[in-house]
Amino acid sequence: MSLESSVEWDLELSGDEAQIFMEGFFDHFGIERGDYEFDRYFGGEGFNLFAIFFAMLSPSYKKRHFEREPITIRMLQRAIELGTWDSARIG
């Protein structure tokens, strides 16, 4: 594990588990949520065959609904230092 490790891919947290983790992270460290949006970084639970079909047909749909920015350990550390989630400053 390193500062570049991804919460979703390296720690294998996604969906409900990721949401619980991030809520605990904000609460434990007293971090203001700022511009944090769950959907920007994590996908939801479940499997949607229609969404996958549309993603194959439309690159813009795929980008909006499937491509996420990864949250890294470095980003979490930076948010702790700032006391707020400011995506422009932590990324």
PDB file of N, CA and C in Angstrom:
ATOM      1  N   MET A   1       0.842  -1.163   0.000  1.00  0.00           N
ATOM      2  CA  MET A   1       0.000   0.000   0.000  1.00  0.00           C
ATOM      3  C   MET A   1       0.895   1.236   0.000  1.00  0.00           C
ATOM      4  N   SER A   2       0.456   2.249  -0.750  1.00  0.00           N
ATOM      5  CA  SER A   2       1.218   3.499  -0.820  1.00  0.00           C
ATOM      6  C   SER A   2       0.239   4.667  -0.807  1.00  0.00           C
ATOM      7  N   LEU A   3       0.776   5.871  -0.845  1.00  0.00           N
ATOM      8  CA  LEU A   3      -0.077   7.053  -0.886  1.00  0.00           C
ATOM      9  C   LEU A   3      -0.896   7.116  -2.165  1.00  0.00           C
ATOM     10  N   GLU A   4      -0.467   6.411  -3.193  1.00  0.00           N
ATOM     11  CA  GLU A   4      -1.201   6.396  -4.464  1.00  0.00           C
ATOM     12  C   GLU A   4      -2.212   5.260  -4.546  1.00  0.00           C
ATOM     13  N   SER A   5      -2.324   4.449  -3.503  1.00  0.00           N
ATOM     14  CA  SER A   5      -3.295   3.355  -3.490  1.00  0.00           C
ATOM     15  C   SER A   5      -4.712   3.911  -3.564  1.00  0.00           C
ATOM     16  N   SER A   6      -5.543   3.248  -4.341  1.00  0.00           N
ATOM     17  CA  SER A   6      -6.929   3.658  -4.539  1.00  0.00           C
ATOM     18  C   SER A   6      -7.826   3.007  -3.486  1.00  0.00           C
ATOM     19  N   VAL A   7      -8.732   3.808  -2.928  1.00  0.00           N
ATOM     20  CA  VAL A   7      -9.684   3.283  -1.944  1.00  0.00           C
ATOM     21  C   VAL A   7     -10.553   2.209  -2.589  1.00  0.00           C
ATOM     22  N   GLU A   8     -10.996   2.453  -3.806  1.00  0.00           N
ATOM     23  CA  GLU A   8     -11.895   1.493  -4.457  1.00  0.00           C
ATOM     24  C   GLU A   8     -11.161   0.262  -4.966  1.00  0.00           C
ATOM     25  N   TRP A   9     -10.063   0.448  -5.687  1.00  0.00           N
ATOM     26  CA  TRP A   9      -9.413  -0.684  -6.339  1.00  0.00           C
ATOM     27  C   TRP A   9      -8.427  -1.413  -5.432  1.00  0.00           C
ATOM     28  N   ASP A  10      -7.615  -0.691  -4.686  1.00  0.00           N
ATOM     29  CA  ASP A  10      -6.613  -1.354  -3.849  1.00  0.00           C
ATOM     30  C   ASP A  10      -7.176  -1.806  -2.500  1.00  0.00           C
ATOM     31  N   LEU A  11      -8.072  -1.002  -1.927  1.00  0.00           N
ATOM     32  CA  LEU A  11      -8.700  -1.390  -0.660  1.00  0.00           C
ATOM     33  C   LEU A  11      -9.994  -2.155  -0.882  1.00  0.00           C
ATOM     34  N   GLU A  12     -10.412  -2.226  -2.143  1.00  0.00           N
ATOM     35  CA  GLU A  12     -11.613  -2.970  -2.545  1.00  0.00           C
ATOM     36  C   GLU A  12     -12.875  -2.507  -1.818  1.00  0.00           C
ATOM     37  N   LEU A  13     -13.045  -1.190  -1.746  1.00  0.00           N
ATOM     38  CA  LEU A  13     -14.252  -0.619  -1.160  1.00  0.00           C
ATOM     39  C   LEU A  13     -15.063   0.032  -2.266  1.00  0.00           C
ATOM     40  N   SER A  14     -16.301  -0.393  -2.409  1.00  0.00           N
ATOM     41  CA  SER A  14     -17.192   0.198  -3.394  1.00  0.00           C
ATOM     42  C   SER A  14     -18.613   0.132  -2.871  1.00  0.00           C
ATOM     43  N   GLY A  15     -19.515   0.811  -3.554  1.00  0.00           N
ATOM     44  CA  GLY A  15     -20.925   0.777  -3.192  1.00  0.00           C
ATOM     45  C   GLY A  15     -21.175   1.185  -1.756  1.00  0.00           C
ATOM     46  N   ASP A  16     -21.996   0.399  -1.059  1.00  0.00           N
ATOM     47  CA  ASP A  16     -22.375   0.711   0.323  1.00  0.00           C
ATOM     48  C   ASP A  16     -21.170   0.752   1.257  1.00  0.00           C
ATOM     49  N   GLU A  17     -20.226  -0.166   1.053  1.00  0.00           N
ATOM     50  CA  GLU A  17     -19.042  -0.194   1.919  1.00  0.00           C
ATOM     51  C   GLU A  17     -18.228   1.084   1.778  1.00  0.00           C
ATOM     52  N   ALA A  18     -18.097   1.592   0.564  1.00  0.00           N
ATOM     53  CA  ALA A  18     -17.369   2.836   0.336  1.00  0.00           C
ATOM     54  C   ALA A  18     -18.101   4.006   0.984  1.00  0.00           C
ATOM     55  N   GLN A  19     -19.419   4.004   0.885  1.00  0.00           N
ATOM     56  CA  GLN A  19     -20.187   5.088   1.493  1.00  0.00           C
ATOM     57  C   GLN A  19     -20.028   5.085   3.012  1.00  0.00           C
ATOM     58  N   ILE A  20     -20.088   3.917   3.622  1.00  0.00           N
ATOM     59  CA  ILE A  20     -19.908   3.807   5.072  1.00  0.00           C
ATOM     60  C   ILE A  20     -18.500   4.240   5.465  1.00  0.00           C
ATOM     61  N   PHE A  21     -17.499   3.809   4.687  1.00  0.00           N
ATOM     62  CA  PHE A  21     -16.118   4.188   4.960  1.00  0.00           C
ATOM     63  C   PHE A  21     -15.939   5.707   4.906  1.00  0.00           C
ATOM     64  N   MET A  22     -16.445   6.335   3.847  1.00  0.00           N
ATOM     65  CA  MET A  22     -16.251   7.778   3.689  1.00  0.00           C
ATOM     66  C   MET A  22     -17.013   8.562   4.754  1.00  0.00           C
ATOM     67  N   GLU A  23     -18.211   8.132   5.102  1.00  0.00           N
ATOM     68  CA  GLU A  23     -18.945   8.813   6.178  1.00  0.00           C
ATOM     69  C   GLU A  23     -18.159   8.726   7.486  1.00  0.00           C
ATOM     70  N   GLY A  24     -17.619   7.528   7.778  1.00  0.00           N
ATOM     71  CA  GLY A  24     -16.798   7.356   8.969  1.00  0.00           C
ATOM     72  C   GLY A  24     -15.537   8.196   8.919  1.00  0.00           C
ATOM     73  N   PHE A  25     -14.936   8.292   7.740  1.00  0.00           N
ATOM     74  CA  PHE A  25     -13.739   9.107   7.554  1.00  0.00           C
ATOM     75  C   PHE A  25     -14.028  10.563   7.886  1.00  0.00           C
ATOM     76  N   PHE A  26     -15.091  11.120   7.308  1.00  0.00           N
ATOM     77  CA  PHE A  26     -15.452  12.518   7.577  1.00  0.00           C
ATOM     78  C   PHE A  26     -15.749  12.740   9.047  1.00  0.00           C
ATOM     79  N   ASP A  27     -16.518  11.843   9.653  1.00  0.00           N
ATOM     80  CA  ASP A  27     -16.897  11.992  11.051  1.00  0.00           C
ATOM     81  C   ASP A  27     -15.705  11.830  11.992  1.00  0.00           C
ATOM     82  N   HIS A  28     -14.913  10.806  11.780  1.00  0.00           N
ATOM     83  CA  HIS A  28     -13.787  10.515  12.677  1.00  0.00           C
ATOM     84  C   HIS A  28     -12.772  11.654  12.705  1.00  0.00           C
ATOM     85  N   PHE A  29     -12.464  12.207  11.541  1.00  0.00           N
ATOM     86  CA  PHE A  29     -11.448  13.253  11.461  1.00  0.00           C
ATOM     87  C   PHE A  29     -12.037  14.656  11.489  1.00  0.00           C
ATOM     88  N   GLY A  30     -13.359  14.775  11.618  1.00  0.00           N
ATOM     89  CA  GLY A  30     -13.998  16.089  11.693  1.00  0.00           C
ATOM     90  C   GLY A  30     -13.808  16.915  10.430  1.00  0.00           C
ATOM     91  N   ILE A  31     -13.887  16.267   9.285  1.00  0.00           N
ATOM     92  CA  ILE A  31     -13.653  16.932   8.014  1.00  0.00           C
ATOM     93  C   ILE A  31     -14.979  17.420   7.433  1.00  0.00           C
ATOM     94  N   GLU A  32     -14.996  18.677   6.999  1.00  0.00           N
ATOM     95  CA  GLU A  32     -16.171  19.204   6.311  1.00  0.00           C
ATOM     96  C   GLU A  32     -16.259  18.548   4.941  1.00  0.00           C
ATOM     97  N   ARG A  33     -17.465  18.245   4.504  1.00  0.00           N
ATOM     98  CA  ARG A  33     -17.652  17.517   3.247  1.00  0.00           C
ATOM     99  C   ARG A  33     -17.399  18.376   2.003  1.00  0.00           C
ATOM    100  N   GLY A  34     -17.389  19.668   2.132  1.00  0.00           N
ATOM    101  CA  GLY A  34     -17.060  20.553   1.024  1.00  0.00           C
ATOM    102  C   GLY A  34     -17.770  20.167  -0.260  1.00  0.00           C
ATOM    103  N   ASP A  35     -17.003  19.910  -1.325  1.00  0.00           N
ATOM    104  CA  ASP A  35     -17.607  19.557  -2.612  1.00  0.00           C
ATOM    105  C   ASP A  35     -17.571  18.043  -2.881  1.00  0.00           C
ATOM    106  N   TYR A  36     -17.433  17.251  -1.828  1.00  0.00           N
ATOM    107  CA  TYR A  36     -17.435  15.796  -1.985  1.00  0.00           C
ATOM    108  C   TYR A  36     -18.799  15.327  -2.462  1.00  0.00           C
ATOM    109  N   GLU A  37     -18.796  14.515  -3.511  1.00  0.00           N
ATOM    110  CA  GLU A  37     -20.003  13.863  -4.012  1.00  0.00           C
ATOM    111  C   GLU A  37     -19.672  12.389  -4.231  1.00  0.00           C
ATOM    112  N   PHE A  38     -20.399  11.524  -3.583  1.00  0.00           N
ATOM    113  CA  PHE A  38     -20.143  10.092  -3.651  1.00  0.00           C
ATOM    114  C   PHE A  38     -20.055   9.591  -5.092  1.00  0.00           C
ATOM    115  N   ASP A  39     -21.008  10.006  -5.928  1.00  0.00           N
ATOM    116  CA  ASP A  39     -21.082   9.513  -7.309  1.00  0.00           C
ATOM    117  C   ASP A  39     -19.894   9.940  -8.166  1.00  0.00           C
ATOM    118  N   ARG A  40     -19.192  10.942  -7.747  1.00  0.00           N
ATOM    119  CA  ARG A  40     -18.004  11.379  -8.494  1.00  0.00           C
ATOM    120  C   ARG A  40     -16.870  10.364  -8.373  1.00  0.00           C
ATOM    121  N   TYR A  41     -16.851   9.629  -7.260  1.00  0.00           N
ATOM    122  CA  TYR A  41     -15.739   8.747  -6.953  1.00  0.00           C
ATOM    123  C   TYR A  41     -16.099   7.263  -6.929  1.00  0.00           C
ATOM    124  N   PHE A  42     -17.372   6.951  -6.653  1.00  0.00           N
ATOM    125  CA  PHE A  42     -17.774   5.553  -6.485  1.00  0.00           C
ATOM    126  C   PHE A  42     -19.056   5.265  -7.251  1.00  0.00           C
ATOM    127  N   GLY A  43     -19.179   4.015  -7.695  1.00  0.00           N
ATOM    128  CA  GLY A  43     -20.415   3.554  -8.298  1.00  0.00           C
ATOM    129  C   GLY A  43     -21.347   3.025  -7.218  1.00  0.00           C
ATOM    130  N   GLY A  44     -22.605   2.886  -7.558  1.00  0.00           N
ATOM    131  CA  GLY A  44     -23.579   2.365  -6.610  1.00  0.00           C
ATOM    132  C   GLY A  44     -23.583   0.848  -6.581  1.00  0.00           C
ATOM    133  N   GLU A  45     -24.465   0.321  -5.778  1.00  0.00           N
ATOM    134  CA  GLU A  45     -24.633  -1.126  -5.665  1.00  0.00           C
ATOM    135  C   GLU A  45     -25.475  -1.629  -6.825  1.00  0.00           C
ATOM    136  N   GLY A  46     -25.316  -2.884  -7.130  1.00  0.00           N
ATOM    137  CA  GLY A  46     -26.188  -3.524  -8.106  1.00  0.00           C
ATOM    138  C   GLY A  46     -25.618  -3.561  -9.513  1.00  0.00           C
ATOM    139  N   PHE A  47     -26.361  -4.242 -10.361  1.00  0.00           N
ATOM    140  CA  PHE A  47     -25.963  -4.475 -11.742  1.00  0.00           C
ATOM    141  C   PHE A  47     -27.111  -4.034 -12.635  1.00  0.00           C
ATOM    142  N   ASN A  48     -26.844  -3.132 -13.580  1.00  0.00           N
ATOM    143  CA  ASN A  48     -27.882  -2.619 -14.456  1.00  0.00           C
ATOM    144  C   ASN A  48     -27.503  -2.935 -15.904  1.00  0.00           C
ATOM    145  N   LEU A  49     -28.132  -3.944 -16.455  1.00  0.00           N
ATOM    146  CA  LEU A  49     -27.830  -4.389 -17.815  1.00  0.00           C
ATOM    147  C   LEU A  49     -28.112  -3.304 -18.844  1.00  0.00           C
ATOM    148  N   PHE A  50     -29.194  -2.549 -18.657  1.00  0.00           N
ATOM    149  CA  PHE A  50     -29.532  -1.483 -19.606  1.00  0.00           C
ATOM    150  C   PHE A  50     -28.475  -0.382 -19.598  1.00  0.00           C
ATOM    151  N   ALA A  51     -27.978  -0.034 -18.417  1.00  0.00           N
ATOM    152  CA  ALA A  51     -26.944   1.002 -18.325  1.00  0.00           C
ATOM    153  C   ALA A  51     -25.674   0.559 -19.053  1.00  0.00           C
ATOM    154  N   ILE A  52     -25.331  -0.706 -18.931  1.00  0.00           N
ATOM    155  CA  ILE A  52     -24.149  -1.218 -19.619  1.00  0.00           C
ATOM    156  C   ILE A  52     -24.367  -1.175 -21.133  1.00  0.00           C
ATOM    157  N   PHE A  53     -25.560  -1.530 -21.578  1.00  0.00           N
ATOM    158  CA  PHE A  53     -25.886  -1.478 -23.004  1.00  0.00           C
ATOM    159  C   PHE A  53     -25.753  -0.050 -23.543  1.00  0.00           C
ATOM    160  N   PHE A  54     -26.325   0.927 -22.818  1.00  0.00           N
ATOM    161  CA  PHE A  54     -26.238   2.325 -23.258  1.00  0.00           C
ATOM    162  C   PHE A  54     -24.801   2.824 -23.231  1.00  0.00           C
ATOM    163  N   ALA A  55     -24.026   2.372 -22.285  1.00  0.00           N
ATOM    164  CA  ALA A  55     -22.624   2.789 -22.192  1.00  0.00           C
ATOM    165  C   ALA A  55     -21.834   2.301 -23.406  1.00  0.00           C
ATOM    166  N   MET A  56     -22.183   1.137 -23.915  1.00  0.00           N
ATOM    167  CA  MET A  56     -21.503   0.608 -25.102  1.00  0.00           C
ATOM    168  C   MET A  56     -21.842   1.434 -26.343  1.00  0.00           C
ATOM    169  N   LEU A  57     -23.031   2.024 -26.361  1.00  0.00           N
ATOM    170  CA  LEU A  57     -23.476   2.797 -27.520  1.00  0.00           C
ATOM    171  C   LEU A  57     -23.097   4.273 -27.464  1.00  0.00           C
ATOM    172  N   SER A  58     -22.938   4.787 -26.267  1.00  0.00           N
ATOM    173  CA  SER A  58     -22.726   6.224 -26.121  1.00  0.00           C
ATOM    174  C   SER A  58     -21.531   6.520 -25.217  1.00  0.00           C
ATOM    175  N   PRO A  59     -20.445   7.030 -25.782  1.00  0.00           N
ATOM    176  CA  PRO A  59     -19.283   7.388 -24.958  1.00  0.00           C
ATOM    177  C   PRO A  59     -19.609   8.441 -23.899  1.00  0.00           C
ATOM    178  N   SER A  60     -20.501   9.387 -24.216  1.00  0.00           N
ATOM    179  CA  SER A  60     -20.841  10.416 -23.228  1.00  0.00           C
ATOM    180  C   SER A  60     -21.627   9.813 -22.063  1.00  0.00           C
ATOM    181  N   TYR A  61     -22.508   8.857 -22.356  1.00  0.00           N
ATOM    182  CA  TYR A  61     -23.246   8.167 -21.286  1.00  0.00           C
ATOM    183  C   TYR A  61     -22.275   7.396 -20.406  1.00  0.00           C
ATOM    184  N   LYS A  62     -21.343   6.712 -21.050  1.00  0.00           N
ATOM    185  CA  LYS A  62     -20.345   5.941 -20.308  1.00  0.00           C
ATOM    186  C   LYS A  62     -19.543   6.849 -19.380  1.00  0.00           C
ATOM    187  N   LYS A  63     -19.116   7.995 -19.883  1.00  0.00           N
ATOM    188  CA  LYS A  63     -18.324   8.918 -19.080  1.00  0.00           C
ATOM    189  C   LYS A  63     -19.122   9.424 -17.877  1.00  0.00           C
ATOM    190  N   ARG A  64     -20.384   9.789 -18.098  1.00  0.00           N
ATOM    191  CA  ARG A  64     -21.224  10.321 -17.020  1.00  0.00           C
ATOM    192  C   ARG A  64     -21.574   9.281 -15.966  1.00  0.00           C
ATOM    193  N   HIS A  65     -21.759   8.027 -16.377  1.00  0.00           N
ATOM    194  CA  HIS A  65     -22.313   7.026 -15.469  1.00  0.00           C
ATOM    195  C   HIS A  65     -21.325   5.964 -14.989  1.00  0.00           C
ATOM    196  N   PHE A  66     -20.168   5.847 -15.637  1.00  0.00           N
ATOM    197  CA  PHE A  66     -19.277   4.756 -15.263  1.00  0.00           C
ATOM    198  C   PHE A  66     -17.854   5.181 -14.917  1.00  0.00           C
ATOM    199  N   GLU A  67     -17.380   6.252 -15.501  1.00  0.00           N
ATOM    200  CA  GLU A  67     -15.996   6.650 -15.246  1.00  0.00           C
ATOM    201  C   GLU A  67     -15.942   7.513 -13.987  1.00  0.00           C
ATOM    202  N   ARG A  68     -15.154   7.079 -13.046  1.00  0.00           N
ATOM    203  CA  ARG A  68     -15.046   7.748 -11.756  1.00  0.00           C
ATOM    204  C   ARG A  68     -13.615   8.189 -11.506  1.00  0.00           C
ATOM    205  N   GLU A  69     -13.475   9.253 -10.732  1.00  0.00           N
ATOM    206  CA  GLU A  69     -12.153   9.671 -10.280  1.00  0.00           C
ATOM    207  C   GLU A  69     -11.774   8.788  -9.095  1.00  0.00           C
ATOM    208  N   PRO A  70     -10.565   8.287  -9.057  1.00  0.00           N
ATOM    209  CA  PRO A  70     -10.179   7.474  -7.905  1.00  0.00           C
ATOM    210  C   PRO A  70      -9.835   8.348  -6.695  1.00  0.00           C
ATOM    211  N   ILE A  71     -10.203   7.874  -5.521  1.00  0.00           N
ATOM    212  CA  ILE A  71      -9.756   8.504  -4.277  1.00  0.00           C
ATOM    213  C   ILE A  71      -8.540   7.719  -3.817  1.00  0.00           C
ATOM    214  N   THR A  72      -7.453   8.421  -3.584  1.00  0.00           N
ATOM    215  CA  THR A  72      -6.225   7.782  -3.126  1.00  0.00           C
ATOM    216  C   THR A  72      -5.990   8.085  -1.649  1.00  0.00           C
ATOM    217  N   ILE A  73      -5.092   7.315  -1.053  1.00  0.00           N
ATOM    218  CA  ILE A  73      -4.703   7.553   0.336  1.00  0.00           C
ATOM    219  C   ILE A  73      -4.133   8.966   0.478  1.00  0.00           C
ATOM    220  N   ARG A  74      -3.394   9.422  -0.530  1.00  0.00           N
ATOM    221  CA  ARG A  74      -2.844  10.781  -0.511  1.00  0.00           C
ATOM    222  C   ARG A  74      -3.969  11.821  -0.427  1.00  0.00           C
ATOM    223  N   MET A  75      -5.057  11.605  -1.142  1.00  0.00           N
ATOM    224  CA  MET A  75      -6.180  12.532  -1.111  1.00  0.00           C
ATOM    225  C   MET A  75      -6.822  12.561   0.272  1.00  0.00           C
ATOM    226  N   LEU A  76      -6.949  11.397   0.890  1.00  0.00           N
ATOM    227  CA  LEU A  76      -7.509  11.339   2.243  1.00  0.00           C
ATOM    228  C   LEU A  76      -6.608  12.094   3.221  1.00  0.00           C
ATOM    229  N   GLN A  77      -5.309  11.886   3.094  1.00  0.00           N
ATOM    230  CA  GLN A  77      -4.340  12.579   3.950  1.00  0.00           C
ATOM    231  C   GLN A  77      -4.447  14.095   3.766  1.00  0.00           C
ATOM    232  N   ARG A  78      -4.545  14.525   2.525  1.00  0.00           N
ATOM    233  CA  ARG A  78      -4.628  15.961   2.237  1.00  0.00           C
ATOM    234  C   ARG A  78      -5.916  16.551   2.801  1.00  0.00           C
ATOM    235  N   ALA A  79      -7.026  15.829   2.710  1.00  0.00           N
ATOM    236  CA  ALA A  79      -8.294  16.296   3.275  1.00  0.00           C
ATOM    237  C   ALA A  79      -8.180  16.444   4.787  1.00  0.00           C
ATOM    238  N   ILE A  80      -7.475  15.532   5.435  1.00  0.00           N
ATOM    239  CA  ILE A  80      -7.257  15.634   6.884  1.00  0.00           C
ATOM    240  C   ILE A  80      -6.469  16.908   7.188  1.00  0.00           C
ATOM    241  N   GLU A  81      -5.429  17.156   6.427  1.00  0.00           N
ATOM    242  CA  GLU A  81      -4.603  18.352   6.639  1.00  0.00           C
ATOM    243  C   GLU A  81      -5.410  19.630   6.445  1.00  0.00           C
ATOM    244  N   LEU A  82      -6.280  19.670   5.430  1.00  0.00           N
ATOM    245  CA  LEU A  82      -7.074  20.865   5.129  1.00  0.00           C
ATOM    246  C   LEU A  82      -8.291  21.006   6.039  1.00  0.00           C
ATOM    247  N   GLY A  83      -8.793  19.884   6.539  1.00  0.00           N
ATOM    248  CA  GLY A  83     -10.001  19.904   7.361  1.00  0.00           C
ATOM    249  C   GLY A  83     -11.278  20.010   6.545  1.00  0.00           C
ATOM    250  N   THR A  84     -11.149  19.899   5.228  1.00  0.00           N
ATOM    251  CA  THR A  84     -12.303  19.955   4.339  1.00  0.00           C
ATOM    252  C   THR A  84     -11.994  19.188   3.067  1.00  0.00           C
ATOM    253  N   TRP A  85     -13.059  18.753   2.382  1.00  0.00           N
ATOM    254  CA  TRP A  85     -12.878  18.084   1.095  1.00  0.00           C
ATOM    255  C   TRP A  85     -12.995  19.149   0.017  1.00  0.00           C
ATOM    256  N   ASP A  86     -11.875  19.522  -0.526  1.00  0.00           N
ATOM    257  CA  ASP A  86     -11.805  20.502  -1.613  1.00  0.00           C
ATOM    258  C   ASP A  86     -11.118  19.796  -2.774  1.00  0.00           C
ATOM    259  N   SER A  87     -11.908  19.298  -3.717  1.00  0.00           N
ATOM    260  CA  SER A  87     -11.364  18.448  -4.771  1.00  0.00           C
ATOM    261  C   SER A  87     -10.269  19.144  -5.582  1.00  0.00           C
ATOM    262  N   ALA A  88     -10.337  20.440  -5.739  1.00  0.00           N
ATOM    263  CA  ALA A  88      -9.315  21.156  -6.489  1.00  0.00           C
ATOM    264  C   ALA A  88      -7.979  21.173  -5.742  1.00  0.00           C
ATOM    265  N   ARG A  89      -8.024  21.168  -4.430  1.00  0.00           N
ATOM    266  CA  ARG A  89      -6.796  21.246  -3.644  1.00  0.00           C
ATOM    267  C   ARG A  89      -6.242  19.893  -3.224  1.00  0.00           C
ATOM    268  N   ILE A  90      -7.085  18.877  -3.181  1.00  0.00           N
ATOM    269  CA  ILE A  90      -6.582  17.576  -2.728  1.00  0.00           C
ATOM    270  C   ILE A  90      -6.154  16.688  -3.881  1.00  0.00           C
ATOM    271  N   GLY A  91      -6.662  16.965  -5.091  1.00  0.00           N
ATOM    272  CA  GLY A  91      -6.387  16.117  -6.246  1.00  0.00           C
ATOM    273  C   GLY A  91      -5.056  16.378  -6.779  1.00  0.00           C
TER     274      GLY A  91
END
